[in-house]
Amino acid sequence: MRVEIEKVQQWVASLIVLVVGLAPTVALAITGALTVDDPGRRSAAIGLTGMSAVVGVATIAGMLLVHRRSPLSPWLVLGVVPAAIAAFVMR
């Protein structure tokens, strides 16, 4: 019974990390995609998109650490997805 409660606690904690980390990741990606249209602010848009990727990867790594797994995993690619979509929109 103790193991089941621990697993539920891990999943709840990882979902909290996901929600808290996903909000700024998506916000930075959207802001970067919208900023690119302003004249002279393309470098700011690229910076915001880069920060989105870093926060997204850190979020996925945090989720992996909650589950006591190595933070170096192919799952880290999921953290870059919002930034990749923003970069695609910016081109």
Protein backbone atom coordinates (compact mmCIF):
# COMPACT_ATOMS: atom_id res chain seq x y z
CA MET A 1 0.00 0.00 0.00
CA ARG A 2 2.87 2.39 0.80
CA VAL A 3 4.38 1.97 -2.67
CA GLU A 4 1.08 2.88 -4.35
CA ILE A 5 0.75 6.06 -2.30
CA GLU A 6 4.30 7.03 -3.20
CA LYS A 7 3.61 6.52 -6.92
CA VAL A 8 0.49 8.69 -6.72
CA GLN A 9 2.49 11.38 -4.91
CA GLN A 10 5.14 11.26 -7.63
CA TRP A 11 2.56 11.63 -10.39
CA VAL A 12 0.83 14.52 -8.62
CA ALA A 13 4.16 16.25 -8.05
CA SER A 14 5.26 15.73 -11.66
CA LEU A 15 1.96 17.13 -12.94
CA ILE A 16 2.43 20.19 -10.73
CA VAL A 17 5.94 20.63 -12.16
CA LEU A 18 4.51 20.26 -15.67
CA VAL A 19 1.79 22.87 -15.19
CA VAL A 20 4.08 25.34 -13.44
CA GLY A 21 6.81 24.89 -16.07
CA LEU A 22 4.56 24.71 -19.11
CA ALA A 23 2.91 28.09 -18.47
CA PRO A 24 6.08 30.18 -18.90
CA THR A 25 7.34 27.90 -21.66
CA VAL A 26 4.26 28.49 -23.79
CA ALA A 27 4.05 32.17 -22.82
CA LEU A 28 7.64 32.79 -23.90
CA ALA A 29 7.10 30.90 -27.15
CA ILE A 30 3.93 32.85 -28.01
CA THR A 31 5.53 36.17 -27.08
CA GLY A 32 8.54 35.34 -29.24
CA ALA A 33 6.34 34.43 -32.18
CA LEU A 34 4.35 37.67 -31.84
CA THR A 35 7.39 39.89 -31.27
CA VAL A 36 9.09 38.89 -34.52
CA ASP A 37 6.76 41.14 -36.54
CA ASP A 38 7.96 44.31 -34.79
CA PRO A 39 10.73 46.06 -36.74
CA GLY A 40 14.14 45.67 -35.11
CA ARG A 41 12.97 43.16 -32.51
CA ARG A 42 13.83 39.92 -34.29
CA SER A 43 16.75 39.29 -31.94
CA ALA A 44 14.41 39.68 -28.96
CA ALA A 45 12.03 37.14 -30.52
CA ILE A 46 14.88 34.68 -31.02
CA GLY A 47 15.98 35.19 -27.41
CA LEU A 48 12.47 34.60 -26.08
CA THR A 49 12.19 31.44 -28.14
CA GLY A 50 15.53 30.22 -26.82
CA MET A 51 14.44 30.90 -23.24
CA SER A 52 11.25 28.96 -23.96
CA ALA A 53 13.32 25.95 -25.02
CA VAL A 54 15.51 26.14 -21.91
CA VAL A 55 12.52 26.39 -19.54
CA GLY A 56 10.76 23.55 -21.38
CA VAL A 57 13.76 21.24 -21.13
CA ALA A 58 14.19 22.14 -17.44
CA THR A 59 10.52 21.32 -16.85
CA ILE A 60 10.81 17.87 -18.41
CA ALA A 61 14.05 17.24 -16.49
CA GLY A 62 12.26 18.21 -13.27
CA MET A 63 9.50 15.74 -14.01
CA LEU A 64 12.06 13.00 -14.59
CA LEU A 65 13.80 13.82 -11.31
CA VAL A 66 10.50 13.60 -9.43
CA HIS A 67 10.21 10.02 -10.70
CA ARG A 68 13.84 9.36 -9.71
CA ARG A 69 14.97 8.90 -13.29
CA SER A 70 18.03 10.31 -15.02
CA PRO A 71 17.40 13.83 -16.31
CA LEU A 72 19.36 12.94 -19.44
CA SER A 73 16.69 11.24 -21.50
CA PRO A 74 15.16 11.35 -24.97
CA TRP A 75 12.05 12.76 -23.26
CA LEU A 76 13.85 16.12 -23.04
CA VAL A 77 12.95 16.69 -26.70
CA LEU A 78 9.37 17.30 -25.58
CA GLY A 79 10.55 20.42 -23.77
CA VAL A 80 11.67 21.98 -27.04
CA VAL A 81 8.36 21.44 -28.85
CA PRO A 82 6.73 24.82 -27.97
CA ALA A 83 9.91 26.66 -28.97
CA ALA A 84 10.14 24.67 -32.21
CA ILE A 85 6.56 25.57 -33.10
CA ALA A 86 7.27 29.25 -32.35
CA ALA A 87 10.42 29.11 -34.51
CA PHE A 88 8.41 27.59 -37.33
CA VAL A 89 5.83 30.37 -37.09
CA MET A 90 8.58 33.03 -36.99
CA ARG A 91 10.30 32.01 -40.20
